[in-house]
N, C-alpha and C. Protein backbone atom coordinates (compact mmCIF):
# COMPACT_ATOMS: atom_id res chain seq x y z
N MET A 1 1.30 7.56 -27.68
CA MET A 1 0.11 8.10 -26.78
C MET A 1 0.46 7.21 -25.77
N GLN A 2 0.52 8.29 -24.23
CA GLN A 2 0.09 7.58 -22.88
C GLN A 2 -0.69 7.71 -22.51
N GLY A 3 -1.42 6.67 -21.75
CA GLY A 3 -2.20 6.26 -21.08
C GLY A 3 -2.82 6.95 -20.19
N HIS A 4 -4.07 7.01 -19.58
CA HIS A 4 -4.75 8.31 -18.72
C HIS A 4 -3.83 8.15 -17.43
N GLU A 5 -3.83 9.06 -16.76
CA GLU A 5 -2.81 8.90 -15.18
C GLU A 5 -4.25 8.94 -14.33
N ARG A 6 -4.19 7.77 -13.51
CA ARG A 6 -5.14 7.70 -13.13
C ARG A 6 -5.20 8.17 -11.83
N ARG A 7 -4.02 8.44 -11.59
CA ARG A 7 -3.77 8.59 -10.17
C ARG A 7 -4.24 10.32 -9.25
N HIS A 8 -4.38 10.00 -8.11
CA HIS A 8 -4.74 12.04 -7.74
C HIS A 8 -4.22 11.91 -6.44
N GLY A 9 -3.21 12.88 -6.53
CA GLY A 9 -2.70 14.14 -5.31
C GLY A 9 -0.98 13.33 -5.77
N HIS A 10 -0.25 14.61 -5.33
CA HIS A 10 1.31 13.97 -4.61
C HIS A 10 2.00 12.44 -4.35
N ARG A 11 2.39 11.68 -5.28
CA ARG A 11 2.86 10.65 -4.40
C ARG A 11 4.52 11.11 -4.33
N PHE A 12 5.28 10.35 -2.88
CA PHE A 12 6.21 10.42 -2.39
C PHE A 12 6.90 9.42 -3.08
N ILE A 13 8.24 9.62 -3.84
CA ILE A 13 8.83 8.07 -3.69
C ILE A 13 9.87 7.96 -2.55
N MET A 14 9.50 7.06 -1.54
CA MET A 14 10.24 6.81 -0.22
C MET A 14 9.50 5.02 0.36
N ARG A 15 10.32 4.74 0.71
CA ARG A 15 10.29 3.68 1.61
C ARG A 15 9.54 4.06 2.91
N VAL A 16 8.94 3.40 2.88
CA VAL A 16 7.93 3.11 3.95
C VAL A 16 7.75 1.77 4.46
N PRO A 17 7.86 0.66 6.04
CA PRO A 17 7.79 -0.25 6.01
C PRO A 17 5.74 -0.46 5.82
N LEU A 18 6.01 -1.27 5.32
CA LEU A 18 4.40 -2.37 6.26
C LEU A 18 4.35 -3.41 6.03
N ARG A 19 2.85 -3.37 6.26
CA ARG A 19 2.27 -5.30 6.38
C ARG A 19 0.84 -5.50 5.47
N PHE A 20 1.27 -6.51 5.48
CA PHE A 20 0.10 -5.98 4.16
C PHE A 20 -0.76 -7.83 4.38
N HIS A 21 -1.70 -7.37 3.83
CA HIS A 21 -2.35 -9.48 3.54
C HIS A 21 -3.05 -9.10 3.06
N ALA A 22 -4.34 -10.21 2.44
CA ALA A 22 -5.79 -10.03 2.27
C ALA A 22 -6.39 -10.82 3.19
N THR A 23 -7.94 -9.82 2.97
CA THR A 23 -8.96 -9.10 3.53
C THR A 23 -10.00 -10.63 3.52
N LYS A 24 -10.14 -11.59 2.56
CA LYS A 24 -10.92 -12.65 2.33
C LYS A 24 -10.07 -14.02 1.73
N GLU A 25 -8.30 -13.69 1.08
CA GLU A 25 -8.35 -14.96 0.37
C GLU A 25 -6.64 -15.76 0.77
N ALA A 26 -6.93 -16.32 1.15
CA ALA A 26 -6.27 -18.01 2.63
C ALA A 26 -4.97 -17.95 1.25
N ALA A 27 -5.22 -17.44 0.07
CA ALA A 27 -3.95 -17.67 -0.51
C ALA A 27 -2.77 -17.43 -0.44
N LEU A 28 -3.42 -15.24 -0.22
CA LEU A 28 -2.20 -15.04 0.66
C LEU A 28 -1.67 -14.90 1.98
N ARG A 29 -0.55 -14.51 2.37
CA ARG A 29 0.29 -14.50 3.27
C ARG A 29 0.38 -12.97 3.78
N GLU A 30 0.03 -12.83 5.16
CA GLU A 30 0.54 -11.46 5.82
C GLU A 30 2.21 -11.50 5.32
N GLU A 31 2.77 -10.52 4.48
CA GLU A 31 3.51 -10.12 4.01
C GLU A 31 4.55 -8.55 4.42
N SER A 32 5.90 -8.36 4.94
CA SER A 32 5.92 -7.16 5.94
C SER A 32 6.88 -6.77 4.27
N VAL A 33 6.62 -5.85 3.72
CA VAL A 33 7.28 -4.84 2.72
C VAL A 33 7.75 -3.48 2.99
N SER A 34 8.37 -3.15 2.29
CA SER A 34 8.61 -1.35 2.29
C SER A 34 8.26 -1.01 0.37
N SER A 35 7.30 0.43 1.06
CA SER A 35 6.83 1.03 -0.15
C SER A 35 7.48 2.07 -1.24
N MET A 36 7.57 1.57 -1.95
CA MET A 36 8.05 2.12 -2.99
C MET A 36 7.94 3.92 -3.45
N ASN A 37 6.53 3.89 -3.58
CA ASN A 37 5.90 5.04 -3.20
C ASN A 37 4.62 5.34 -2.80
N ILE A 38 4.43 6.41 -2.25
CA ILE A 38 2.87 6.63 -1.33
C ILE A 38 2.39 7.72 -1.57
N SER A 39 0.99 8.06 -1.40
CA SER A 39 0.44 8.95 -1.49
C SER A 39 -0.60 9.15 -0.11
N THR A 40 -1.46 9.97 -0.06
CA THR A 40 -2.47 9.92 0.68
C THR A 40 -3.60 9.17 0.29
N HIS A 41 -3.62 8.65 -1.30
CA HIS A 41 -3.97 8.10 -1.84
C HIS A 41 -3.92 6.33 -1.96
N GLY A 42 -3.60 6.08 -2.18
CA GLY A 42 -2.53 4.57 -2.26
C GLY A 42 -1.04 4.35 -2.45
N VAL A 43 -0.89 3.26 -2.17
CA VAL A 43 0.62 2.51 -1.99
C VAL A 43 1.26 2.01 -3.19
N TYR A 44 2.31 2.74 -3.38
CA TYR A 44 2.71 1.06 -4.46
C TYR A 44 4.14 0.51 -3.66
N PHE A 45 4.15 -1.33 -3.96
CA PHE A 45 4.60 -1.78 -3.86
C PHE A 45 5.78 -3.79 -4.06
N ALA A 46 6.59 -3.96 -3.88
CA ALA A 46 6.57 -5.16 -4.72
C ALA A 46 6.79 -6.19 -3.77
N THR A 47 5.99 -7.23 -4.67
CA THR A 47 5.89 -8.04 -4.05
C THR A 47 6.24 -9.51 -4.61
N ASP A 48 6.44 -10.29 -4.26
CA ASP A 48 6.38 -12.05 -4.61
C ASP A 48 5.35 -12.61 -4.92
N GLN A 49 4.45 -12.54 -4.22
CA GLN A 49 2.96 -13.58 -4.18
C GLN A 49 2.13 -12.97 -5.64
N LYS A 50 1.24 -13.81 -6.00
CA LYS A 50 0.81 -13.24 -7.31
C LYS A 50 -0.36 -13.08 -6.16
N ILE A 51 -1.21 -11.71 -6.96
CA ILE A 51 -2.20 -10.73 -6.16
C ILE A 51 -2.65 -10.70 -7.75
N ASP A 52 -3.82 -10.25 -7.48
CA ASP A 52 -5.33 -10.26 -8.34
C ASP A 52 -5.40 -8.49 -8.54
N GLU A 53 -5.30 -8.15 -9.59
CA GLU A 53 -6.02 -6.80 -9.19
C GLU A 53 -7.68 -7.15 -8.51
N GLY A 54 -8.34 -5.69 -7.84
CA GLY A 54 -9.66 -6.19 -7.36
C GLY A 54 -9.71 -6.96 -5.98
N VAL A 55 -8.86 -7.72 -4.88
CA VAL A 55 -8.85 -7.65 -4.53
C VAL A 55 -8.76 -7.37 -3.47
N LEU A 56 -9.18 -7.05 -2.00
CA LEU A 56 -9.17 -6.21 -0.91
C LEU A 56 -8.16 -6.16 -0.06
N VAL A 57 -7.74 -5.38 0.37
CA VAL A 57 -5.96 -5.85 1.49
C VAL A 57 -6.15 -5.15 2.38
N GLN A 58 -6.05 -5.65 3.75
CA GLN A 58 -5.05 -5.21 4.77
C GLN A 58 -4.13 -4.74 4.27
N LEU A 59 -4.09 -2.96 4.82
CA LEU A 59 -2.23 -2.64 5.54
C LEU A 59 -2.06 -1.74 6.71
N HIS A 60 -0.98 -2.31 6.97
CA HIS A 60 -0.37 -1.54 8.60
C HIS A 60 1.00 -0.73 8.07
N LEU A 61 0.53 0.81 8.43
CA LEU A 61 1.79 1.35 8.43
C LEU A 61 1.93 1.98 8.60
N LYS A 62 2.69 3.08 9.03
CA LYS A 62 3.05 4.94 9.74
C LYS A 62 2.85 5.79 8.82
N MET A 63 1.68 6.29 8.75
CA MET A 63 2.51 7.49 7.58
C MET A 63 3.27 8.43 7.62
N PRO A 64 3.87 8.54 6.67
CA PRO A 64 5.30 10.28 7.39
C PRO A 64 4.67 10.76 7.23
N LYS A 65 5.52 11.44 8.36
CA LYS A 65 4.96 12.99 8.04
C LYS A 65 5.12 13.87 7.05
N GLU A 66 5.53 13.75 6.17
CA GLU A 66 5.73 14.18 5.18
C GLU A 66 4.67 14.80 4.44
N ILE A 67 3.62 13.11 4.58
CA ILE A 67 2.30 13.24 4.04
C ILE A 67 1.31 13.85 4.67
N VAL A 68 1.45 13.22 5.93
CA VAL A 68 0.04 13.79 7.47
C VAL A 68 0.64 14.90 7.73
N GLY A 69 0.90 15.55 7.63
CA GLY A 69 1.50 17.11 8.64
C GLY A 69 1.72 16.70 9.94
N ASP A 70 2.37 15.48 10.44
CA ASP A 70 2.64 15.45 11.99
C ASP A 70 3.68 13.22 11.79
N ASP A 71 3.84 13.64 13.74
CA ASP A 71 4.26 12.60 13.58
C ASP A 71 3.04 11.42 13.91
N VAL A 72 2.57 10.41 13.76
CA VAL A 72 1.25 10.06 14.24
C VAL A 72 1.62 8.08 14.47
N GLY A 73 1.09 7.33 14.62
CA GLY A 73 1.11 6.46 14.74
C GLY A 73 0.50 5.07 13.91
N GLU A 74 0.69 3.68 14.08
CA GLU A 74 0.37 3.41 13.43
C GLU A 74 -1.06 3.01 12.00
N TRP A 75 -0.84 3.58 11.12
CA TRP A 75 -2.97 3.09 10.39
C TRP A 75 -2.56 1.53 9.87
N SER A 76 -4.41 1.52 10.37
CA SER A 76 -4.61 0.00 9.46
C SER A 76 -5.49 0.97 7.85
N PHE A 77 -4.99 0.11 7.17
CA PHE A 77 -5.84 0.80 5.68
C PHE A 77 -6.74 -0.45 5.52
N THR A 78 -7.86 -0.46 4.38
CA THR A 78 -8.55 -1.52 3.64
C THR A 78 -7.78 -0.66 2.36
N GLY A 79 -7.47 -1.07 1.28
CA GLY A 79 -7.56 -1.03 -0.25
C GLY A 79 -8.04 -2.17 -1.06
N ARG A 80 -7.92 -1.88 -2.22
CA ARG A 80 -8.71 -1.93 -3.52
C ARG A 80 -7.04 -2.00 -4.32
N VAL A 81 -6.46 -3.15 -4.34
CA VAL A 81 -5.49 -3.68 -5.52
C VAL A 81 -6.04 -3.57 -6.84
N ALA A 82 -5.33 -2.27 -7.25
CA ALA A 82 -5.95 -0.87 -8.52
C ALA A 82 -5.38 -1.74 -9.79
N HIS A 83 -3.90 -1.92 -9.48
CA HIS A 83 -2.87 -2.79 -11.25
C HIS A 83 -1.93 -3.81 -10.84
N VAL A 84 -0.86 -4.01 -10.94
CA VAL A 84 -0.08 -4.95 -10.72
C VAL A 84 0.40 -5.52 -11.85
N GLU A 85 1.80 -5.32 -12.19
CA GLU A 85 2.68 -5.51 -13.18
C GLU A 85 4.11 -6.32 -12.65
N PRO A 86 4.15 -6.96 -13.75
CA PRO A 86 6.40 -7.07 -13.68
C PRO A 86 7.34 -6.56 -13.77
N LEU A 87 8.01 -6.61 -12.68
CA LEU A 87 8.89 -5.79 -12.29
C LEU A 87 10.38 -6.82 -13.23
N SER A 88 10.35 -7.69 -12.85
CA SER A 88 11.39 -8.54 -13.62
C SER A 88 11.28 -9.55 -13.45
N ARG A 89 11.61 -10.66 -14.33
CA ARG A 89 11.55 -11.76 -14.78
C ARG A 89 12.61 -12.88 -13.82
N GLN A 90 13.59 -12.27 -13.53
CA GLN A 90 14.57 -12.94 -12.72
C GLN A 90 14.03 -13.07 -11.32
N ASN A 91 13.61 -12.57 -10.81
CA ASN A 91 13.25 -12.94 -9.47
C ASN A 91 11.73 -12.72 -9.56
N GLY A 92 10.65 -12.73 -10.34
CA GLY A 92 9.47 -12.94 -10.30
C GLY A 92 8.78 -12.05 -9.62
N LYS A 93 9.25 -10.81 -9.15
CA LYS A 93 8.30 -9.72 -8.58
C LYS A 93 7.87 -9.35 -8.91
N SER A 94 6.38 -8.74 -8.56
CA SER A 94 5.04 -8.22 -9.46
C SER A 94 5.51 -6.44 -8.93
N GLY A 95 4.65 -5.78 -8.84
CA GLY A 95 4.94 -3.74 -8.34
C GLY A 95 3.25 -4.00 -8.35
N VAL A 96 2.32 -3.45 -6.99
CA VAL A 96 1.55 -3.22 -6.82
C VAL A 96 0.96 -2.64 -6.72
N GLY A 97 -0.15 -1.66 -7.25
CA GLY A 97 -0.72 -0.57 -6.96
C GLY A 97 -1.81 -0.09 -5.90
N VAL A 98 -1.96 -0.10 -4.61
CA VAL A 98 -2.75 0.05 -3.88
C VAL A 98 -3.92 1.22 -3.88
N GLN A 99 -5.14 0.81 -4.48
CA GLN A 99 -5.39 2.44 -3.87
C GLN A 99 -6.68 2.04 -2.35
N PHE A 100 -6.10 3.72 -1.51
CA PHE A 100 -6.43 3.61 -0.22
C PHE A 100 -8.34 3.83 0.06
N LEU A 101 -9.40 2.61 0.51
CA LEU A 101 -10.42 2.93 1.12
C LEU A 101 -11.43 3.29 2.14
N PHE A 102 -10.93 2.82 2.86
CA PHE A 102 -11.03 3.05 4.25
C PHE A 102 -10.04 2.64 5.56
N TYR A 103 -9.41 3.81 6.04
CA TYR A 103 -8.47 3.18 7.39
C TYR A 103 -9.08 4.18 8.40
N GLU A 104 -8.03 3.84 9.48
CA GLU A 104 -8.39 3.74 11.11
C GLU A 104 -6.84 4.75 11.28
N VAL A 105 -7.39 5.47 12.15
CA VAL A 105 -5.89 5.87 13.10
C VAL A 105 -6.63 5.51 14.95
N PRO A 106 -5.14 5.51 15.33
CA PRO A 106 -5.33 5.25 16.60
C PRO A 106 -5.84 5.97 17.54
N ARG A 107 -6.24 5.35 18.56
CA ARG A 107 -6.78 6.94 19.68
C ARG A 107 -5.13 7.29 20.02
N PRO A 108 -5.29 8.66 20.90
CA PRO A 108 -4.35 8.75 21.30
C PRO A 108 -4.25 8.04 22.73
N SER A 109 -3.40 7.46 23.93
CA SER A 109 -3.53 7.27 24.66
C SER A 109 -3.44 7.93 25.46
N LEU A 110 -4.87 7.86 26.51
CA LEU A 110 -4.78 8.97 27.66
C LEU A 110 -3.76 8.72 28.84
N LYS A 111 -3.65 9.08 29.20
CA LYS A 111 -2.46 9.32 30.36
C LYS A 111 -3.40 9.67 31.49
C-alpha cells in the first residue's frame, strides 16, 4: 500500500544550484548544493548536514525558466523542512524536501 502523496504541482527533475541555511539554527552552516528536483512549491536536495523536519530554512536560487516561464534573477525563499530521508549509508548524505512558504523576487534595476 502506497503512502498518501502530499506533493502539489509538477516536479522537474533538474539540478539547480542553490544555497541554504537555517533561519535560527546556529548549528547549520550555509551550504551550496544542487537540487535533485524542484517545483513551484518546493525543492529536494542532498546534504551531509543533519537537518530536522520542521526547521525553517532560507534558500537562494535562480528559478528555472521551465518553472516560472521567464528568465529571472536569484530568488530568496523561506521554507520548512517537510521531510528528511537517508540517501546512502556510505557517505552519510540525506535527502531533504523543503516546502516553500514565502519568497522574495529581486526588483529589476532601473536604468
